[in-house]
Structure formats: structure tokens, C-alpha cells
Amino acid sequence: MLVSARSFDEYRAMFALTDGDLAPGRRILDCPGGAAAFTAEAGRRGIDAVAVDREYAHHREDLGVLVERETRHKRDQLVREASDFVWTWHGDPDRLTGLRIDSARDFRADIAARPDRYVAGSLPELPFADDSFDLVLSSHLLFSYGNRLDADFHLAALLELARIARGEVRLFPVMVYDTGVRYGELDGLRRHLDTLGITSRVERVEYEFQPGDNELLVLSCAGYRPLARTGAGAPSAADPVRWRHREKS
């Protein structure tokens, strides 16, 4: 599975984030964070943002270097295949490559300066307590790899994201990346989530790279009460990040 380095502005576009969503003090999780610059720029804006990714257990500062090298390597392929993509947002292959390199470098600097903001972990079990975040963002994992990750994994992962979100979970995209069609089990998953108190909607966003890949799934989690987890899979009572402004429940 690919690890990429997307920018804060790209996140704003993918997830249709408003100024209210990004207000200072808001707690936001990026899962999986990869080498994205979202957490770095969010921190500079006073947002209480955290990234979680399994790669942080194996690669930390060097992940940015690896992603930068891969981005440079793929530039020529992007040029050859430029007609297969939509360039409204990115401009052209060189601009996309430059944006991703800048984001990888920003990530690398931030994970070195603020390592507590980058937590090792992976779906479907994350090391955070219930209702830890106002907003959870997840891109290019669920649905994107629908040909490799089965419906049971998707359901478990969605429930886990809903468990730690006190407000919304936003997931982009809903298209399987190597088929160019919407994930086939999406409607069934949404019906199942609805029976558990997690309502959802699909929204069109003003961001598109693969043709037709411009839809966002939003889960509203305020009505969801997860079953208690015990044993090795239970989250720690203390989050691995020291929140600056933890509110009393």
C-alpha cells in the first residue's frame, strides 16, 4: 500500500474542511497519516492534531526521505500517464511532485520536533480512548484498497474510527483506486452503521485526481455507543498524546 505526502491544503479540499472544522483547539486525528504535512501545518495553526500510522513504528524521520525519493521516482510516470488524471487542483505533474516533496519535508521536520504528535498504530485497533477527537480524517486506505481489504475489515475499521470520534469521521475517497468504481460494499456498510446509531452521507467535493473520484463519506458519531473492549485489544485509559486542553466529559 502506498505511503504519500499530501499537503494541508490538499486535506482541506479532499475533506471539505471549513474554518470551523479547523478552529484552534479542535482535536483532529489523521489516520493513516503517512508522510502528510497536515499535522505539521495544523499544529502551527493551533489545532490539536495527531497522526497515527503503522509506519511510525518502523520509520519516523526517515519516512519523509523515503516518500520524497518515491515521489521523485514517480514523476516521469505521471508525465507519461498525465491524460489519465484530472489536473484541475494539482495543475500538472511537476506541480504535484513539488507539492508532495514539500509536504514530505514538512512532515520530516515536524515529526523530529514534535514526536508525540505521531503515534504508531493501525486499524482496526487504535491506541486512543473513546471520544478522543472532535474530528477524524481518513484518506486513501478504506475503500481505496477495497480489492485487498474485505468488508469485515472495513466494518471493524469504521467502527473503530467512530469509537474515537465524538463528532464526525470523514473518509476520502469512496472509489477503489485500481478499478475506478465506487466501493461495492459501501451501501451495505452504511445500512449496518445506521442500525448502530452512526448516520452517514456521501458528499461531492471540489477535489478530483482520478476521474470521478470526488466523493467523501461523512459519519456522524454522536449517537454511537461502542461496546466495551477488554483484554489485549482494549485501548489504554491514557491517550499516548498529552492533550493541551482536555475537556471534562
C-alpha atoms as a PDB file:
ATOM      1  CA  MET A   1       0.000   0.000   0.000  1.00  0.00           C
ATOM      2  CA  LEU A   2       1.265   3.429  -0.908  1.00  0.00           C
ATOM      3  CA  VAL A   3       2.510   5.989   1.603  1.00  0.00           C
ATOM      4  CA  SER A   4       2.073   9.522   0.323  1.00  0.00           C
ATOM      5  CA  ALA A   5       2.765  13.092   1.432  1.00  0.00           C
ATOM      6  CA  ARG A   6      -0.244  15.326   0.928  1.00  0.00           C
ATOM      7  CA  SER A   7      -0.405  18.963   1.976  1.00  0.00           C
ATOM      8  CA  PHE A   8      -2.662  20.757   4.450  1.00  0.00           C
ATOM      9  CA  ASP A   9      -4.446  22.481   1.547  1.00  0.00           C
ATOM     10  CA  GLU A  10      -5.000  19.151  -0.172  1.00  0.00           C
ATOM     11  CA  TYR A  11      -6.610  17.867   3.017  1.00  0.00           C
ATOM     12  CA  ARG A  12      -8.863  20.921   3.108  1.00  0.00           C
ATOM     13  CA  ALA A  13     -10.032  20.126  -0.408  1.00  0.00           C
ATOM     14  CA  MET A  14     -10.380  16.345  -0.003  1.00  0.00           C
ATOM     15  CA  PHE A  15     -12.317  16.562   3.244  1.00  0.00           C
ATOM     16  CA  ALA A  16     -14.245  19.796   2.529  1.00  0.00           C
ATOM     17  CA  LEU A  17     -12.813  21.295   5.712  1.00  0.00           C
ATOM     18  CA  THR A  18     -14.191  24.659   6.781  1.00  0.00           C
ATOM     19  CA  ASP A  19     -12.619  27.292   9.020  1.00  0.00           C
ATOM     20  CA  GLY A  20     -14.906  25.999  11.774  1.00  0.00           C
ATOM     21  CA  ASP A  21     -13.623  22.452  11.325  1.00  0.00           C
ATOM     22  CA  LEU A  22     -10.094  23.814  11.688  1.00  0.00           C
ATOM     23  CA  ALA A  23     -10.658  26.184  14.599  1.00  0.00           C
ATOM     24  CA  PRO A  24      -7.778  26.450  17.104  1.00  0.00           C
ATOM     25  CA  GLY A  25      -8.058  23.919  19.906  1.00  0.00           C
ATOM     26  CA  ARG A  26     -10.035  21.392  17.878  1.00  0.00           C
ATOM     27  CA  ARG A  27      -8.792  17.806  18.288  1.00  0.00           C
ATOM     28  CA  ILE A  28      -8.274  16.150  14.924  1.00  0.00           C
ATOM     29  CA  LEU A  29      -6.832  12.738  14.057  1.00  0.00           C
ATOM     30  CA  ASP A  30      -5.265  11.865  10.709  1.00  0.00           C
ATOM     31  CA  CYS A  31      -5.498   8.077  10.205  1.00  0.00           C
ATOM     32  CA  PRO A  32      -3.422   6.856   8.476  1.00  0.00           C
ATOM     33  CA  GLY A  33      -1.163   9.897   8.474  1.00  0.00           C
ATOM     34  CA  GLY A  34       1.643   8.622   6.262  1.00  0.00           C
ATOM     35  CA  ALA A  35       4.090  11.424   5.486  1.00  0.00           C
ATOM     36  CA  ALA A  36       1.402  14.083   5.091  1.00  0.00           C
ATOM     37  CA  ALA A  37       2.030  17.666   6.218  1.00  0.00           C
ATOM     38  CA  PHE A  38      -1.465  18.078   7.667  1.00  0.00           C
ATOM     39  CA  THR A  39      -0.473  17.599  11.317  1.00  0.00           C
ATOM     40  CA  ALA A  40       2.513  19.908  10.951  1.00  0.00           C
ATOM     41  CA  GLU A  41       0.536  22.814   9.499  1.00  0.00           C
ATOM     42  CA  ALA A  42      -2.415  22.169  11.807  1.00  0.00           C
ATOM     43  CA  GLY A  43      -0.072  22.496  14.773  1.00  0.00           C
ATOM     44  CA  ARG A  44       1.183  25.846  13.526  1.00  0.00           C
ATOM     45  CA  ARG A  45      -2.442  26.995  13.398  1.00  0.00           C
ATOM     46  CA  GLY A  46      -3.124  25.976  16.991  1.00  0.00           C
ATOM     47  CA  ILE A  47      -5.108  22.852  16.111  1.00  0.00           C
ATOM     48  CA  ASP A  48      -4.671  19.883  18.449  1.00  0.00           C
ATOM     49  CA  ALA A  49      -3.845  17.442  15.647  1.00  0.00           C
ATOM     50  CA  VAL A  50      -2.335  13.950  15.789  1.00  0.00           C
ATOM     51  CA  ALA A  51      -1.320  11.493  13.083  1.00  0.00           C
ATOM     52  CA  VAL A  52      -1.375   7.724  13.527  1.00  0.00           C
ATOM     53  CA  ASP A  53       0.214   5.211  11.159  1.00  0.00           C
ATOM     54  CA  ARG A  54       1.740   1.769  11.430  1.00  0.00           C
ATOM     55  CA  GLU A  55       4.838   3.035   9.607  1.00  0.00           C
ATOM     56  CA  TYR A  56       5.722   5.212  12.608  1.00  0.00           C
ATOM     57  CA  ALA A  57       6.724   2.051  14.456  1.00  0.00           C
ATOM     58  CA  HIS A  58       9.378   1.303  11.829  1.00  0.00           C
ATOM     59  CA  HIS A  59      10.188   4.595  10.097  1.00  0.00           C
ATOM     60  CA  ARG A  60       9.964   8.024  11.671  1.00  0.00           C
ATOM     61  CA  GLU A  61      12.172  10.835  10.392  1.00  0.00           C
ATOM     62  CA  ASP A  62      13.358   8.650   7.501  1.00  0.00           C
ATOM     63  CA  LEU A  63       9.788   8.085   6.259  1.00  0.00           C
ATOM     64  CA  GLY A  64       9.779  11.580   4.797  1.00  0.00           C
ATOM     65  CA  VAL A  65      13.033  10.842   2.966  1.00  0.00           C
ATOM     66  CA  LEU A  66      11.685   7.571   1.571  1.00  0.00           C
ATOM     67  CA  VAL A  67       8.465   9.190   0.370  1.00  0.00           C
ATOM     68  CA  GLU A  68      10.380  12.091  -1.215  1.00  0.00           C
ATOM     69  CA  ARG A  69      12.530   9.629  -3.166  1.00  0.00           C
ATOM     70  CA  GLU A  70       9.479   7.686  -4.287  1.00  0.00           C
ATOM     71  CA  THR A  71       7.740  10.900  -5.349  1.00  0.00           C
ATOM     72  CA  ARG A  72      10.707  11.922  -7.496  1.00  0.00           C
ATOM     73  CA  HIS A  73      10.855   8.431  -8.986  1.00  0.00           C
ATOM     74  CA  LYS A  74       7.171   8.544  -9.989  1.00  0.00           C
ATOM     75  CA  ARG A  75       7.339  11.949 -11.653  1.00  0.00           C
ATOM     76  CA  ASP A  76       8.178  10.545 -15.098  1.00  0.00           C
ATOM     77  CA  GLN A  77       5.342   8.020 -14.828  1.00  0.00           C
ATOM     78  CA  LEU A  78       2.932  10.842 -14.016  1.00  0.00           C
ATOM     79  CA  VAL A  79       4.079  12.714 -17.102  1.00  0.00           C
ATOM     80  CA  ARG A  80       3.562   9.666 -19.311  1.00  0.00           C
ATOM     81  CA  GLU A  81       0.118   8.996 -17.854  1.00  0.00           C
ATOM     82  CA  ALA A  82      -0.988  12.625 -17.430  1.00  0.00           C
ATOM     83  CA  SER A  83      -4.056  12.171 -19.653  1.00  0.00           C
ATOM     84  CA  ASP A  84      -5.415   9.573 -17.204  1.00  0.00           C
ATOM     85  CA  PHE A  85      -5.831  12.147 -14.423  1.00  0.00           C
ATOM     86  CA  VAL A  86      -7.679  15.355 -13.649  1.00  0.00           C
ATOM     87  CA  TRP A  87      -5.325  18.314 -13.125  1.00  0.00           C
ATOM     88  CA  THR A  88      -7.796  20.979 -12.008  1.00  0.00           C
ATOM     89  CA  TRP A  89      -6.468  21.030  -8.464  1.00  0.00           C
ATOM     90  CA  HIS A  90      -2.827  19.963  -8.878  1.00  0.00           C
ATOM     91  CA  GLY A  91      -2.061  21.856 -12.081  1.00  0.00           C
ATOM     92  CA  ASP A  92       0.396  19.480 -13.732  1.00  0.00           C
ATOM     93  CA  PRO A  93       2.780  16.616 -12.858  1.00  0.00           C
ATOM     94  CA  ASP A  94       5.642  18.932 -11.896  1.00  0.00           C
ATOM     95  CA  ARG A  95       3.497  20.986  -9.524  1.00  0.00           C
ATOM     96  CA  LEU A  96       2.082  17.836  -7.919  1.00  0.00           C
ATOM     97  CA  THR A  97       5.579  16.442  -7.482  1.00  0.00           C
ATOM     98  CA  GLY A  98       6.778  19.687  -5.910  1.00  0.00           C
ATOM     99  CA  LEU A  99       3.820  19.828  -3.521  1.00  0.00           C
ATOM    100  CA  ARG A 100       4.398  16.256  -2.365  1.00  0.00           C
ATOM    101  CA  ILE A 101       8.122  16.824  -1.845  1.00  0.00           C
ATOM    102  CA  ASP A 102       7.457  19.980   0.174  1.00  0.00           C
ATOM    103  CA  SER A 103       4.906  18.079   2.278  1.00  0.00           C
ATOM    104  CA  ALA A 104       7.309  15.199   2.922  1.00  0.00           C
ATOM    105  CA  ARG A 105       9.957  17.652   4.115  1.00  0.00           C
ATOM    106  CA  ASP A 106       7.460  19.454   6.351  1.00  0.00           C
ATOM    107  CA  PHE A 107       6.422  16.100   7.827  1.00  0.00           C
ATOM    108  CA  ARG A 108      10.045  15.130   8.417  1.00  0.00           C
ATOM    109  CA  ALA A 109      10.788  18.348  10.301  1.00  0.00           C
ATOM    110  CA  ASP A 110       7.646  18.135  12.407  1.00  0.00           C
ATOM    111  CA  ILE A 111       7.973  14.506  13.442  1.00  0.00           C
ATOM    112  CA  ALA A 112      11.503  15.309  14.638  1.00  0.00           C
ATOM    113  CA  ALA A 113      10.361  18.414  16.536  1.00  0.00           C
ATOM    114  CA  ARG A 114       7.076  17.026  17.911  1.00  0.00           C
ATOM    115  CA  PRO A 115       7.381  13.228  18.005  1.00  0.00           C
ATOM    116  CA  ASP A 116       4.497  12.860  20.471  1.00  0.00           C
ATOM    117  CA  ARG A 117       2.122  14.004  17.719  1.00  0.00           C
ATOM    118  CA  TYR A 118       2.930  10.942  15.563  1.00  0.00           C
ATOM    119  CA  VAL A 119       1.628   7.721  17.116  1.00  0.00           C
ATOM    120  CA  ALA A 120       2.338   4.184  15.925  1.00  0.00           C
ATOM    121  CA  GLY A 121      -0.883   2.281  15.361  1.00  0.00           C
ATOM    122  CA  SER A 122      -3.144   0.823  12.707  1.00  0.00           C
ATOM    123  CA  LEU A 123      -6.746  -0.036  12.038  1.00  0.00           C
ATOM    124  CA  PRO A 124      -8.836  -1.776  13.158  1.00  0.00           C
ATOM    125  CA  GLU A 125      -7.451  -1.167  16.683  1.00  0.00           C
ATOM    126  CA  LEU A 126      -6.126   2.255  17.631  1.00  0.00           C
ATOM    127  CA  PRO A 127      -4.442   3.292  20.913  1.00  0.00           C
ATOM    128  CA  PHE A 128      -6.915   6.045  21.850  1.00  0.00           C
ATOM    129  CA  ALA A 129      -9.745   6.264  24.340  1.00  0.00           C
ATOM    130  CA  ASP A 130     -13.395   6.640  23.332  1.00  0.00           C
ATOM    131  CA  ASP A 131     -14.397  10.121  22.102  1.00  0.00           C
ATOM    132  CA  SER A 132     -10.795  11.328  21.949  1.00  0.00           C
ATOM    133  CA  PHE A 133     -11.244  13.532  18.886  1.00  0.00           C
ATOM    134  CA  ASP A 134     -13.684  16.114  17.613  1.00  0.00           C
ATOM    135  CA  LEU A 135     -12.979  15.061  14.034  1.00  0.00           C
ATOM    136  CA  VAL A 136     -11.280  12.037  12.477  1.00  0.00           C
ATOM    137  CA  LEU A 137      -9.930  12.134   8.911  1.00  0.00           C
ATOM    138  CA  SER A 138      -9.028   9.037   6.917  1.00  0.00           C
ATOM    139  CA  SER A 139      -7.855   9.041   3.311  1.00  0.00           C
ATOM    140  CA  HIS A 140      -6.721   6.512   0.718  1.00  0.00           C
ATOM    141  CA  LEU A 141      -6.981   3.348   2.801  1.00  0.00           C
ATOM    142  CA  LEU A 142     -10.572   2.267   3.377  1.00  0.00           C
ATOM    143  CA  PHE A 143     -12.478   1.828   0.088  1.00  0.00           C
ATOM    144  CA  SER A 144      -9.337   2.699  -1.902  1.00  0.00           C
ATOM    145  CA  TYR A 145      -7.997  -0.813  -1.247  1.00  0.00           C
ATOM    146  CA  GLY A 146     -11.389  -2.491  -1.463  1.00  0.00           C
ATOM    147  CA  ASN A 147      -9.899  -5.252  -3.627  1.00  0.00           C
ATOM    148  CA  ARG A 148      -7.455  -6.195  -0.860  1.00  0.00           C
ATOM    149  CA  LEU A 149      -9.306  -5.379   2.362  1.00  0.00           C
ATOM    150  CA  ASP A 150     -12.566  -7.262   2.829  1.00  0.00           C
ATOM    151  CA  ALA A 151     -15.916  -5.969   4.099  1.00  0.00           C
ATOM    152  CA  ASP A 152     -15.308  -7.311   7.616  1.00  0.00           C
ATOM    153  CA  PHE A 153     -12.125  -5.274   7.875  1.00  0.00           C
ATOM    154  CA  HIS A 154     -13.916  -2.189   6.573  1.00  0.00           C
ATOM    155  CA  LEU A 155     -16.705  -2.551   9.130  1.00  0.00           C
ATOM    156  CA  ALA A 156     -14.291  -3.090  12.022  1.00  0.00           C
ATOM    157  CA  ALA A 157     -12.194  -0.119  10.909  1.00  0.00           C
ATOM    158  CA  LEU A 158     -15.196   2.188  10.521  1.00  0.00           C
ATOM    159  CA  LEU A 159     -16.492   1.230  13.973  1.00  0.00           C
ATOM    160  CA  GLU A 160     -13.069   1.902  15.457  1.00  0.00           C
ATOM    161  CA  LEU A 161     -12.894   5.338  13.866  1.00  0.00           C
ATOM    162  CA  ALA A 162     -16.411   6.064  15.119  1.00  0.00           C
ATOM    163  CA  ARG A 163     -15.430   4.934  18.617  1.00  0.00           C
ATOM    164  CA  ILE A 164     -12.739   7.551  18.992  1.00  0.00           C
ATOM    165  CA  ALA A 165     -14.689  10.365  17.300  1.00  0.00           C
ATOM    166  CA  ARG A 166     -17.002  12.478  19.382  1.00  0.00           C
ATOM    167  CA  GLY A 167     -18.226  14.314  16.284  1.00  0.00           C
ATOM    168  CA  GLU A 168     -17.547  13.174  12.724  1.00  0.00           C
ATOM    169  CA  VAL A 169     -15.397  10.794  10.738  1.00  0.00           C
ATOM    170  CA  ARG A 170     -14.659  11.851   7.162  1.00  0.00           C
ATOM    171  CA  LEU A 171     -13.286   9.362   4.643  1.00  0.00           C
ATOM    172  CA  PHE A 172     -11.965  10.102   1.168  1.00  0.00           C
ATOM    173  CA  PRO A 173     -12.278   8.697  -1.423  1.00  0.00           C
ATOM    174  CA  VAL A 174     -15.002   6.052  -1.759  1.00  0.00           C
ATOM    175  CA  MET A 175     -13.613   4.698  -5.044  1.00  0.00           C
ATOM    176  CA  VAL A 176     -11.398   1.628  -5.398  1.00  0.00           C
ATOM    177  CA  TYR A 177      -8.219   3.112  -6.804  1.00  0.00           C
ATOM    178  CA  ASP A 178      -7.365   0.387  -9.338  1.00  0.00           C
ATOM    179  CA  THR A 179     -10.887  -0.091 -10.767  1.00  0.00           C
ATOM    180  CA  GLY A 180     -12.215   3.464 -10.921  1.00  0.00           C
ATOM    181  CA  VAL A 181     -15.597   2.497  -9.432  1.00  0.00           C
ATOM    182  CA  ARG A 182     -17.243   3.170  -6.085  1.00  0.00           C
ATOM    183  CA  TYR A 183     -16.545   0.535  -3.409  1.00  0.00           C
ATOM    184  CA  GLY A 184     -19.222  -2.109  -3.897  1.00  0.00           C
ATOM    185  CA  GLU A 185     -19.995  -2.780  -0.231  1.00  0.00           C
ATOM    186  CA  LEU A 186     -20.442   0.894   0.671  1.00  0.00           C
ATOM    187  CA  ASP A 187     -24.239   0.946   0.790  1.00  0.00           C
ATOM    188  CA  GLY A 188     -24.396  -2.227   2.876  1.00  0.00           C
ATOM    189  CA  LEU A 189     -21.847  -0.861   5.337  1.00  0.00           C
ATOM    190  CA  ARG A 190     -23.805   2.371   5.659  1.00  0.00           C
ATOM    191  CA  ARG A 191     -27.019   0.470   6.416  1.00  0.00           C
ATOM    192  CA  HIS A 192     -25.221  -1.574   9.074  1.00  0.00           C
ATOM    193  CA  LEU A 193     -23.727   1.534  10.672  1.00  0.00           C
ATOM    194  CA  ASP A 194     -27.131   3.191  10.736  1.00  0.00           C
ATOM    195  CA  THR A 195     -28.532   0.360  12.884  1.00  0.00           C
ATOM    196  CA  LEU A 196     -25.781   1.131  15.412  1.00  0.00           C
ATOM    197  CA  GLY A 197     -26.537   4.843  15.629  1.00  0.00           C
ATOM    198  CA  ILE A 198     -23.942   6.019  13.114  1.00  0.00           C
ATOM    199  CA  THR A 199     -25.643   8.006  10.373  1.00  0.00           C
ATOM    200  CA  SER A 200     -23.797   8.800   7.177  1.00  0.00           C
ATOM    201  CA  ARG A 201     -23.915  10.796   3.980  1.00  0.00           C
ATOM    202  CA  VAL A 202     -21.916  10.943   0.769  1.00  0.00           C
ATOM    203  CA  GLU A 203     -20.877  14.416  -0.382  1.00  0.00           C
ATOM    204  CA  ARG A 204     -19.357  15.698  -3.596  1.00  0.00           C
ATOM    205  CA  VAL A 205     -16.132  17.642  -3.053  1.00  0.00           C
ATOM    206  CA  GLU A 206     -14.285  20.127  -5.243  1.00  0.00           C
ATOM    207  CA  TYR A 207     -11.253  17.877  -5.491  1.00  0.00           C
ATOM    208  CA  GLU A 208     -10.574  15.233  -8.092  1.00  0.00           C
ATOM    209  CA  PHE A 209      -7.462  13.460  -9.310  1.00  0.00           C
ATOM    210  CA  GLN A 210      -8.717  10.160 -10.674  1.00  0.00           C
ATOM    211  CA  PRO A 211     -11.692  10.828 -12.964  1.00  0.00           C
ATOM    212  CA  GLY A 212     -14.941  10.572 -10.996  1.00  0.00           C
ATOM    213  CA  ASP A 213     -13.105  10.199  -7.694  1.00  0.00           C
ATOM    214  CA  ASN A 214     -14.643  13.207  -5.960  1.00  0.00           C
ATOM    215  CA  GLU A 215     -16.879  11.815  -3.226  1.00  0.00           C
ATOM    216  CA  LEU A 216     -16.482  11.961   0.544  1.00  0.00           C
ATOM    217  CA  LEU A 217     -18.168   9.764   3.150  1.00  0.00           C
ATOM    218  CA  VAL A 218     -19.140  11.516   6.388  1.00  0.00           C
ATOM    219  CA  LEU A 219     -20.071   9.535   9.512  1.00  0.00           C
ATOM    220  CA  SER A 220     -21.946  11.285  12.336  1.00  0.00           C
ATOM    221  CA  CYS A 221     -20.883   9.517  15.514  1.00  0.00           C
ATOM    222  CA  ALA A 222     -22.526  11.452  18.366  1.00  0.00           C
ATOM    223  CA  GLY A 223     -25.227   8.786  18.733  1.00  0.00           C
ATOM    224  CA  TYR A 224     -22.860   5.821  18.735  1.00  0.00           C
ATOM    225  CA  ARG A 225     -22.099   3.974  21.964  1.00  0.00           C
ATOM    226  CA  PRO A 226     -19.491   1.270  21.334  1.00  0.00           C
ATOM    227  CA  LEU A 227     -19.394  -1.969  23.263  1.00  0.00           C
ATOM    228  CA  ALA A 228     -16.684  -2.118  25.916  1.00  0.00           C
ATOM    229  CA  ARG A 229     -13.456  -3.777  24.838  1.00  0.00           C
ATOM    230  CA  THR A 230     -11.415  -5.858  27.243  1.00  0.00           C
ATOM    231  CA  GLY A 231      -8.120  -7.698  27.159  1.00  0.00           C
ATOM    232  CA  ALA A 232      -5.201  -7.120  24.836  1.00  0.00           C
ATOM    233  CA  GLY A 233      -7.288  -5.234  22.288  1.00  0.00           C
ATOM    234  CA  ALA A 234      -8.622  -2.661  24.749  1.00  0.00           C
ATOM    235  CA  PRO A 235      -7.321   0.889  24.381  1.00  0.00           C
ATOM    236  CA  SER A 236      -5.285   2.403  27.174  1.00  0.00           C
ATOM    237  CA  ALA A 237      -7.170   4.698  29.548  1.00  0.00           C
ATOM    238  CA  ALA A 238      -4.463   7.310  28.936  1.00  0.00           C
ATOM    239  CA  ASP A 239      -4.012   8.592  25.402  1.00  0.00           C
ATOM    240  CA  PRO A 240      -0.431   8.468  24.085  1.00  0.00           C
ATOM    241  CA  VAL A 241      -0.666  12.194  23.409  1.00  0.00           C
ATOM    242  CA  ARG A 242      -0.762  14.754  26.223  1.00  0.00           C
ATOM    243  CA  TRP A 243      -3.711  16.939  25.217  1.00  0.00           C
ATOM    244  CA  ARG A 244      -3.246  20.610  25.973  1.00  0.00           C
ATOM    245  CA  HIS A 245      -6.892  21.362  26.655  1.00  0.00           C
ATOM    246  CA  ARG A 246      -8.608  18.126  27.663  1.00  0.00           C
ATOM    247  CA  GLU A 247     -12.236  18.803  28.435  1.00  0.00           C
ATOM    248  CA  LYS A 248     -14.101  17.036  31.210  1.00  0.00           C
ATOM    249  CA  SER A 249     -16.738  14.615  29.905  1.00  0.00           C
END
